[in-house]
């Protein structure tokens, strides 16, 4: 029992992680630790070369905007020299300062600590945006690609299986992914809380990335009365086509005569776009209250307009404050997630231990079958010739029975010794 347990713990220590994340570096610098490729060189060919150089049995590689992660299965211990040589292979362009101070940039984990880190990473507990499910998708995508490339094997396969189960359990049993953090998502939720009417007339002013994302949310919630205004009419039309909306040049705002309910504005102009005079022109005799969501920095709507008119004004600073409140709510859910991580670590150890037993005992059925076959065909072949068919049939039946029992006895004994 002790020998099997020690062997199991030793094998767990072969799971290792090397990672560089937003905790150590600015996001803009993390790319320096991605695998760097020569012209037209496939990334998985490069990873295979790294595996061969360091005698790594299995590898999974994942890069995102705020982390790069190498999940490894191999026997050697991490040393400063190993890390320096490893990243020299990953990016030959890394300067001496970075390589000589690699521990300042790269975190390493081994054994149970590595497993815990992977579970927390895939469950977005260690993400820049806590609860962001995108990291879970990226983890699965990276595994599938590395598996297809032949970089992973049975050990990382088992790890991936339990990691996916852990992430799903955390998302299902905690509120770590609840309460929106995206400013645009919060803007649309604010709009819904003010006016749920899907037929309300919405002016989407600006057609850049922010308003394109706002448009996706509007489409998701089935708002169908949208008009897009932009300085570039071509860009307005392009976004309008995806939303089944009308498109207009920004100058046409002056031709409005009220009739709208909500303005969502975010233009590339670093100044006020709608001042009080233009707004008066836009509403004409319309006396109804309006909602204005200003997602621009600096603001696109004048303070005078907000002060002198019946409008509910939501700016990006308010939305960012809401995002911080929601993020703090998610952080508190980390405490509820930790017991799940611990529980899943135990489940992993049991599953992994079971798999090691299966591997260790895999040869037993073939060996017993070979002994039986030799006994019948060689050792007792001559004596069997003197037996009648009925006796031979009974003997074969008995031998088959003994074969099955002889296979099951050591397997049951091994399982009970580690249970």
Protein backbone atom coordinates (compact mmCIF):
# COMPACT_ATOMS: atom_id res chain seq x y z
CA UNK A 1 0.00 0.00 0.00
CA UNK A 2 2.75 2.47 0.97
CA UNK A 3 4.73 1.79 -2.20
CA UNK A 4 1.67 2.38 -4.41
CA UNK A 5 0.81 5.58 -2.52
CA UNK A 6 4.34 6.96 -2.87
CA UNK A 7 4.39 6.06 -6.56
CA UNK A 8 1.09 7.86 -7.01
CA UNK A 9 2.30 11.01 -5.23
CA UNK A 10 5.52 10.96 -7.25
CA UNK A 11 3.57 10.79 -10.49
CA UNK A 12 1.40 13.73 -9.39
CA UNK A 13 4.58 15.78 -9.03
CA UNK A 14 5.17 15.32 -12.75
CA UNK A 15 2.29 17.76 -13.42
CA UNK A 16 3.83 21.20 -13.78
CA UNK A 17 2.79 24.70 -14.85
CA UNK A 18 4.84 27.63 -16.14
CA UNK A 19 2.80 30.79 -16.52
CA UNK A 20 3.22 34.52 -17.08
CA UNK A 21 0.09 36.55 -16.28
CA UNK A 22 -1.31 40.00 -15.61
CA UNK A 23 -0.23 39.55 -11.99
CA UNK A 24 3.44 39.89 -13.00
CA UNK A 25 3.39 42.11 -16.08
CA UNK A 26 1.42 44.74 -17.93
CA UNK A 27 -0.83 43.07 -20.47
CA UNK A 28 1.09 44.74 -23.30
CA UNK A 29 4.29 42.92 -22.23
CA UNK A 30 2.92 39.39 -21.89
CA UNK A 31 3.28 38.76 -25.63
CA UNK A 32 7.06 38.65 -25.15
CA UNK A 33 6.58 35.25 -23.50
CA UNK A 34 4.40 33.75 -26.24
CA UNK A 35 6.00 31.15 -28.49
CA UNK A 36 7.72 33.16 -31.23
CA UNK A 37 7.64 31.67 -34.73
CA UNK A 38 9.75 31.96 -37.83
CA UNK A 39 8.04 32.80 -41.12
CA UNK A 40 5.24 30.29 -41.88
CA UNK A 41 6.36 28.04 -39.02
CA UNK A 42 3.37 26.17 -37.48
CA UNK A 43 3.13 26.82 -33.73
CA UNK A 44 2.69 23.12 -32.95
CA UNK A 45 5.88 22.19 -34.81
CA UNK A 46 7.69 24.70 -32.64
CA UNK A 47 6.13 23.26 -29.48
CA UNK A 48 7.16 19.74 -30.48
CA UNK A 49 10.72 20.96 -30.91
CA UNK A 50 10.62 22.48 -27.41
CA UNK A 51 9.25 19.19 -26.02
CA UNK A 52 12.12 17.28 -27.60
CA UNK A 53 14.73 19.74 -26.37
CA UNK A 54 13.67 19.38 -22.73
CA UNK A 55 12.41 15.77 -22.80
CA UNK A 56 8.87 16.85 -21.93
CA UNK A 57 6.44 13.94 -22.16
CA UNK A 58 3.26 15.98 -22.63
CA UNK A 59 2.48 19.67 -23.12
CA UNK A 60 -0.55 21.91 -23.38
CA UNK A 61 0.02 25.51 -24.47
CA UNK A 62 -2.43 28.37 -24.00
CA UNK A 63 -2.03 32.06 -24.76
CA UNK A 64 -4.62 34.77 -24.10
CA UNK A 65 -4.52 38.55 -23.89
CA UNK A 66 -3.58 38.44 -20.20
CA UNK A 67 -1.63 35.20 -19.76
CA UNK A 68 0.54 32.56 -21.35
CA UNK A 69 0.46 29.11 -19.79
CA UNK A 70 2.47 25.93 -20.36
CA UNK A 71 0.93 22.84 -18.74
CA UNK A 72 3.58 20.12 -18.68
CA UNK A 73 3.95 16.51 -17.67
CA UNK A 74 7.60 15.58 -17.17
CA UNK A 75 10.00 14.31 -14.53
CA UNK A 76 12.62 17.04 -14.18
CA UNK A 77 12.47 19.68 -11.47
CA UNK A 78 12.19 23.38 -12.18
CA UNK A 79 15.40 25.31 -11.72
CA UNK A 80 16.33 28.86 -12.66
CA UNK A 81 18.62 27.45 -15.33
CA UNK A 82 15.82 25.30 -16.76
CA UNK A 83 13.42 28.28 -16.92
CA UNK A 84 16.06 30.48 -18.54
CA UNK A 85 16.78 27.88 -21.22
CA UNK A 86 13.10 27.12 -21.68
CA UNK A 87 12.14 30.72 -22.43
CA UNK A 88 15.23 31.12 -24.59
CA UNK A 89 13.64 28.43 -26.77
CA UNK A 90 10.18 30.00 -26.50
CA UNK A 91 11.40 33.41 -27.60
CA UNK A 92 15.02 33.69 -28.80
CA UNK A 93 14.56 37.46 -28.83
CA UNK A 94 14.20 37.80 -25.07
CA UNK A 95 16.96 40.02 -23.73
CA UNK A 96 19.42 38.95 -21.08
CA UNK A 97 17.74 41.00 -18.34
CA UNK A 98 14.44 39.15 -18.81
CA UNK A 99 16.10 35.74 -18.90
CA UNK A 100 18.35 36.41 -15.92
CA UNK A 101 15.35 37.58 -13.89
CA UNK A 102 12.89 35.04 -15.24
CA UNK A 103 11.49 34.24 -11.79
CA UNK A 104 10.24 37.83 -11.64
CA UNK A 105 8.06 37.23 -14.69
CA UNK A 106 7.21 33.53 -14.63
CA UNK A 107 5.37 31.62 -11.92
CA UNK A 108 5.87 27.87 -11.60
CA UNK A 109 3.72 25.24 -9.90
CA UNK A 110 4.28 21.53 -9.36
CA UNK A 111 2.13 18.62 -8.19
CA UNK A 112 -1.03 19.53 -6.30
CA UNK A 113 -0.24 23.26 -6.54
CA UNK A 114 -0.14 22.93 -10.34
CA UNK A 115 -3.49 21.11 -10.38
CA UNK A 116 -5.08 23.75 -8.14
CA UNK A 117 -3.75 26.56 -10.35
CA UNK A 118 -5.18 24.93 -13.50
CA UNK A 119 -8.59 24.39 -11.86
CA UNK A 120 -8.69 28.01 -10.68
CA UNK A 121 -7.52 29.34 -14.05
CA UNK A 122 -10.13 27.46 -16.10
CA UNK A 123 -12.82 28.50 -13.62
CA UNK A 124 -11.79 32.16 -14.13
CA UNK A 125 -10.90 32.54 -10.46
CA UNK A 126 -7.44 33.77 -11.45
CA UNK A 127 -8.57 35.89 -14.40
CA UNK A 128 -8.13 39.61 -14.93
CA UNK A 129 -11.94 39.69 -15.04
CA UNK A 130 -13.14 37.24 -12.38
CA UNK A 131 -15.96 35.04 -13.66
CA UNK A 132 -15.25 35.70 -17.34
CA UNK A 133 -16.27 32.46 -19.06
CA UNK A 134 -14.08 33.12 -22.08
CA UNK A 135 -11.06 31.60 -20.30
CA UNK A 136 -12.96 28.29 -20.01
CA UNK A 137 -13.58 28.28 -23.76
CA UNK A 138 -9.92 29.15 -24.41
CA UNK A 139 -8.76 26.30 -22.15
CA UNK A 140 -10.85 23.71 -23.99
CA UNK A 141 -9.84 25.09 -27.38
CA UNK A 142 -6.16 24.96 -26.46
CA UNK A 143 -6.47 21.38 -25.24
CA UNK A 144 -8.24 20.25 -28.42
CA UNK A 145 -5.54 21.83 -30.58
CA UNK A 146 -2.66 20.37 -28.58
CA UNK A 147 -4.31 16.95 -28.54
CA UNK A 148 -4.79 17.05 -32.33
CA UNK A 149 -1.11 17.98 -32.70
CA UNK A 150 -0.05 14.99 -30.61
CA UNK A 151 1.37 17.11 -27.78
CA UNK A 152 -0.83 15.70 -25.02
CA UNK A 153 -1.30 12.15 -23.78
CA UNK A 154 -3.23 10.20 -21.18
CA UNK A 155 -2.03 12.28 -18.22
CA UNK A 156 -3.16 15.66 -19.53
CA UNK A 157 -6.32 13.98 -20.91
CA UNK A 158 -7.34 13.05 -17.37
CA UNK A 159 -6.39 16.53 -16.14
CA UNK A 160 -8.50 18.19 -18.86
CA UNK A 161 -11.49 15.99 -17.99
CA UNK A 162 -11.42 16.97 -14.30
CA UNK A 163 -10.63 20.62 -15.07
CA UNK A 164 -13.71 20.93 -17.28
CA UNK A 165 -15.85 19.23 -14.61
CA UNK A 166 -14.46 21.60 -11.96
CA UNK A 167 -15.15 24.75 -13.97
CA UNK A 168 -18.72 23.63 -14.75
CA UNK A 169 -19.31 22.85 -11.08
CA UNK A 170 -18.08 26.27 -9.99
CA UNK A 171 -20.14 28.13 -12.59
CA UNK A 172 -23.21 26.11 -11.57
CA UNK A 173 -22.82 26.27 -7.79
CA UNK A 174 -21.52 29.79 -7.24
CA UNK A 175 -22.42 33.23 -8.54
CA UNK A 176 -18.90 33.93 -9.75
CA UNK A 177 -20.12 34.70 -13.29
CA UNK A 178 -23.19 36.71 -12.28
CA UNK A 179 -23.62 40.48 -12.42
CA UNK A 180 -22.25 42.04 -15.58
CA UNK A 181 -18.82 43.68 -15.64
CA UNK A 182 -18.81 44.92 -19.23
CA UNK A 183 -19.58 48.64 -19.45
CA UNK A 184 -21.64 48.09 -22.59
CA UNK A 185 -23.59 45.23 -21.02
CA UNK A 186 -24.29 47.38 -17.97
CA UNK A 187 -25.42 50.20 -20.26
CA UNK A 188 -28.01 47.98 -21.92
CA UNK A 189 -29.15 46.64 -18.55
CA UNK A 190 -29.56 50.23 -17.36
CA UNK A 191 -31.64 50.96 -20.44
CA UNK A 192 -33.83 47.92 -19.78
CA UNK A 193 -34.41 49.00 -16.20
CA UNK A 194 -35.56 52.42 -17.44
CA UNK A 195 -37.63 51.26 -20.39
CA UNK A 196 -38.34 47.62 -21.28
CA UNK A 197 -40.36 48.46 -24.39
CA UNK A 198 -38.72 46.60 -27.32
CA UNK A 199 -40.37 49.04 -29.74
CA UNK A 200 -38.84 52.15 -28.20
CA UNK A 201 -36.97 54.25 -30.75
CA UNK A 202 -33.22 54.15 -30.16
CA UNK A 203 -30.67 56.50 -31.68
CA UNK A 204 -27.28 54.81 -31.88
CA UNK A 205 -24.84 57.65 -32.50
CA UNK A 206 -21.42 56.46 -33.65
CA UNK A 207 -20.64 53.11 -35.30
CA UNK A 208 -17.27 52.20 -33.76
CA UNK A 209 -16.36 49.14 -31.75
CA UNK A 210 -18.25 50.19 -28.60
CA UNK A 211 -21.53 50.89 -30.36
CA UNK A 212 -21.11 47.80 -32.53
CA UNK A 213 -21.02 45.81 -29.29
CA UNK A 214 -24.01 47.75 -27.99
CA UNK A 215 -25.77 46.85 -31.23
CA UNK A 216 -25.16 43.13 -30.59
CA UNK A 217 -26.85 43.46 -27.19
CA UNK A 218 -29.77 45.36 -28.73
CA UNK A 219 -30.18 42.59 -31.28
CA UNK A 220 -29.94 39.93 -28.56
CA UNK A 221 -32.76 41.62 -26.63
CA UNK A 222 -34.80 42.04 -29.83
CA UNK A 223 -34.95 45.83 -30.02
CA UNK A 224 -36.15 46.56 -33.54
CA UNK A 225 -36.53 50.33 -33.88
CA UNK A 226 -32.96 51.55 -34.22
CA UNK A 227 -31.50 54.44 -36.19
CA UNK A 228 -27.73 54.75 -36.62
CA UNK A 229 -26.01 58.12 -37.08
CA UNK A 230 -22.34 58.47 -37.96
CA UNK A 231 -19.92 60.82 -39.74
CA UNK A 232 -19.03 58.01 -42.14
CA UNK A 233 -22.26 56.94 -43.81
CA UNK A 234 -20.60 53.78 -45.14
CA UNK A 235 -19.74 52.67 -41.61
CA UNK A 236 -23.25 53.52 -40.45
CA UNK A 237 -24.72 51.39 -43.24
CA UNK A 238 -22.42 48.49 -42.44
CA UNK A 239 -23.57 48.38 -38.82
CA UNK A 240 -27.18 49.05 -39.83
CA UNK A 241 -27.16 45.98 -42.07
CA UNK A 242 -26.33 43.72 -39.14
CA UNK A 243 -29.10 45.23 -36.99
CA UNK A 244 -31.80 45.73 -39.63
CA UNK A 245 -31.63 49.42 -38.74
CA UNK A 246 -31.75 52.68 -40.70
CA UNK A 247 -28.52 54.59 -41.34
CA UNK A 248 -27.97 58.35 -41.46
CA UNK A 249 -25.21 60.93 -41.57
CA UNK A 250 -24.52 62.68 -38.27
CA UNK A 251 -25.68 65.98 -39.72
CA UNK A 252 -29.19 64.55 -40.11
CA UNK A 253 -29.70 64.72 -36.34
CA UNK A 254 -30.84 68.31 -36.94
CA UNK A 255 -33.76 67.02 -39.03
CA UNK A 256 -35.28 65.06 -36.19
CA UNK A 257 -38.45 66.28 -34.57
CA UNK A 258 -38.58 64.20 -31.43
CA UNK A 259 -40.14 60.78 -31.49
CA UNK A 260 -37.12 59.00 -30.01
CA UNK A 261 -36.80 57.52 -26.52
CA UNK A 262 -33.14 56.63 -25.98
CA UNK A 263 -29.78 57.87 -27.21
CA UNK A 264 -26.70 55.67 -26.98
CA UNK A 265 -23.69 57.70 -28.04
CA UNK A 266 -20.02 56.94 -28.46
CA UNK A 267 -18.10 58.65 -31.24
CA UNK A 268 -14.40 59.04 -31.96
CA UNK A 269 -14.71 62.81 -31.52
CA UNK A 270 -12.85 63.91 -28.39
CA UNK A 271 -15.41 66.58 -27.68
CA UNK A 272 -19.09 67.28 -27.20
CA UNK A 273 -21.17 66.13 -30.17
CA UNK A 274 -24.64 66.95 -28.88
CA UNK A 275 -24.87 70.30 -27.10
CA UNK A 276 -27.99 71.95 -25.73
CA UNK A 277 -28.75 73.81 -28.96
CA UNK A 278 -28.59 70.69 -31.13
CA UNK A 279 -30.67 68.76 -28.61
CA UNK A 280 -33.38 71.46 -28.66
CA UNK A 281 -33.42 71.14 -32.44
CA UNK A 282 -33.66 67.33 -32.20
CA UNK A 283 -36.64 67.21 -29.82
CA UNK A 284 -38.63 70.15 -31.27
CA UNK A 285 -41.95 70.10 -29.36
CA UNK A 286 -41.45 66.65 -27.87
CA UNK A 287 -41.83 67.05 -24.09
CA UNK A 288 -41.30 63.41 -23.07
CA UNK A 289 -38.39 62.37 -20.88
CA UNK A 290 -35.39 60.81 -22.65
CA UNK A 291 -32.65 58.43 -21.64
CA UNK A 292 -29.10 59.30 -22.74
CA UNK A 293 -26.29 56.77 -22.35
CA UNK A 294 -22.93 58.41 -23.03
CA UNK A 295 -20.16 55.81 -23.48
CA UNK A 296 -17.54 58.23 -24.80
CA UNK A 297 -14.39 59.45 -23.08
CA UNK A 298 -14.37 62.42 -22.94
CA UNK A 299 -18.15 62.80 -22.91
CA UNK A 300 -20.07 63.44 -26.15
CA UNK A 301 -23.03 65.12 -24.42
CA UNK A 302 -22.78 68.58 -22.86
CA UNK A 303 -23.40 69.20 -19.17
CA UNK A 304 -25.72 72.09 -20.09
CA UNK A 305 -27.96 69.71 -22.03
CA UNK A 306 -28.27 67.39 -19.03
CA UNK A 307 -28.94 70.24 -16.61
CA UNK A 308 -31.59 72.03 -18.69
CA UNK A 309 -33.63 69.15 -20.09
CA UNK A 310 -35.78 66.29 -18.88
CA UNK A 311 -33.25 63.54 -19.43
CA UNK A 312 -31.94 60.58 -17.49
CA UNK A 313 -28.19 60.71 -18.14
CA UNK A 314 -25.87 57.75 -17.63
CA UNK A 315 -22.17 58.25 -18.31
CA UNK A 316 -19.27 55.83 -18.41
CA UNK A 317 -17.99 56.76 -14.93
CA UNK A 318 -21.26 55.62 -13.40
CA UNK A 319 -21.17 52.39 -15.39
CA UNK A 320 -17.56 51.74 -14.32
CA UNK A 321 -18.60 52.25 -10.70
CA UNK A 322 -21.34 49.64 -11.18
CA UNK A 323 -18.78 47.31 -12.73
CA UNK A 324 -16.53 47.70 -9.66
CA UNK A 325 -19.44 46.88 -7.35
CA UNK A 326 -20.24 43.79 -9.40
CA UNK A 327 -16.59 42.75 -9.48
CA UNK A 328 -16.42 42.96 -5.70
CA UNK A 329 -19.53 40.76 -5.57
CA UNK A 330 -17.77 38.19 -7.74
CA UNK A 331 -14.63 38.34 -5.60
CA UNK A 332 -16.70 37.31 -2.57
CA UNK A 333 -17.84 34.25 -4.50
CA UNK A 334 -14.22 33.05 -4.64
CA UNK A 335 -14.59 31.87 -1.04
CA UNK A 336 -17.51 29.65 -2.05
CA UNK A 337 -15.52 28.25 -4.96
CA UNK A 338 -12.49 27.12 -2.92
CA UNK A 339 -14.20 24.10 -1.27
CA UNK A 340 -15.23 22.92 -4.75
CA UNK A 341 -11.61 23.15 -5.89
CA UNK A 342 -10.48 21.08 -2.90
CA UNK A 343 -13.22 18.51 -3.51
CA UNK A 344 -12.25 18.22 -7.17
CA UNK A 345 -8.57 17.82 -6.29
CA UNK A 346 -9.52 14.77 -4.24
CA UNK A 347 -11.61 13.49 -7.16
CA UNK A 348 -8.67 14.00 -9.51
CA UNK A 349 -6.29 12.09 -7.25
CA UNK A 350 -8.73 9.18 -7.04
CA UNK A 351 -9.29 9.12 -10.80
CA UNK A 352 -5.60 9.45 -11.54
CA UNK A 353 -4.72 6.76 -9.03
CA UNK A 354 -7.30 4.47 -10.62
CA UNK A 355 -5.78 5.12 -14.02
CA UNK A 356 -2.29 4.27 -12.76
CA UNK A 357 -3.61 0.97 -11.41
CA UNK A 358 -5.22 0.21 -14.75
CA UNK A 359 -1.91 0.87 -16.47
CA UNK A 360 0.10 -1.16 -13.96
CA UNK A 361 -2.22 -4.15 -14.21
CA UNK A 362 -2.95 -3.91 -17.94
CA UNK A 363 -0.55 -6.77 -18.73
CA UNK A 364 -2.16 -9.25 -16.31
CA UNK A 365 -5.07 -10.45 -18.54
CA UNK A 366 -2.70 -11.13 -21.47
CA UNK A 367 -0.21 -12.97 -19.23
CA UNK A 368 -2.84 -15.19 -17.65
CA UNK A 369 -4.38 -15.93 -21.03
CA UNK A 370 -0.91 -16.85 -22.34
CA UNK A 371 -0.36 -19.23 -19.39
CA UNK A 372 -3.70 -20.89 -20.04
CA UNK A 373 -3.04 -21.22 -23.76
CA UNK A 374 0.43 -22.73 -23.16
CA UNK A 375 -0.98 -25.19 -20.65
CA UNK A 376 -3.62 -26.42 -23.10
CA UNK A 377 -1.55 -26.34 -26.28
CA UNK A 378 1.90 -27.36 -24.99
CA UNK A 379 2.30 -28.57 -21.40
CA UNK A 380 -0.75 -30.88 -21.29
CA UNK A 381 -1.38 -31.25 -25.03
CA UNK A 382 -0.45 -34.96 -25.22
CA UNK A 383 -2.50 -35.96 -22.18
CA UNK A 384 -5.52 -34.07 -23.48
CA UNK A 385 -5.54 -36.26 -26.57
CA UNK A 386 -6.64 -39.22 -24.47
CA UNK A 387 -9.68 -37.34 -23.12
CA UNK A 388 -13.14 -37.46 -24.69
CA UNK A 389 -14.83 -34.34 -26.11
CA UNK A 390 -17.12 -33.90 -23.14
CA UNK A 391 -14.23 -33.89 -20.68
CA UNK A 392 -12.23 -31.46 -22.81
CA UNK A 393 -15.23 -29.14 -23.01
CA UNK A 394 -15.58 -29.21 -19.22
CA UNK A 395 -11.85 -28.59 -18.79
CA UNK A 396 -11.97 -25.60 -21.15
CA UNK A 397 -14.95 -24.21 -19.26
CA UNK A 398 -13.08 -24.58 -15.97
CA UNK A 399 -9.96 -22.96 -17.43
CA UNK A 400 -12.01 -19.98 -18.70
CA UNK A 401 -13.53 -19.60 -15.23
CA UNK A 402 -10.12 -19.73 -13.57
CA UNK A 403 -8.75 -17.20 -16.06
CA UNK A 404 -11.43 -14.65 -15.18
CA UNK A 405 -10.98 -15.20 -11.45
CA UNK A 406 -7.20 -15.01 -11.64
CA UNK A 407 -7.51 -11.68 -13.46
CA UNK A 408 -9.98 -10.21 -10.96
CA UNK A 409 -8.13 -11.18 -7.75
CA UNK A 410 -5.03 -8.93 -8.11
CA UNK A 411 -7.10 -6.06 -9.49
CA UNK A 412 -9.51 -6.16 -6.53
CA UNK A 413 -6.61 -6.49 -4.10
CA UNK A 414 -4.81 -3.49 -5.62
CA UNK A 415 -7.97 -1.35 -5.53
CA UNK A 416 -8.70 -2.19 -1.91
CA UNK A 417 -5.11 -1.41 -0.89
CA UNK A 418 -5.39 2.20 -2.02
CA UNK A 419 -9.04 2.87 -1.17
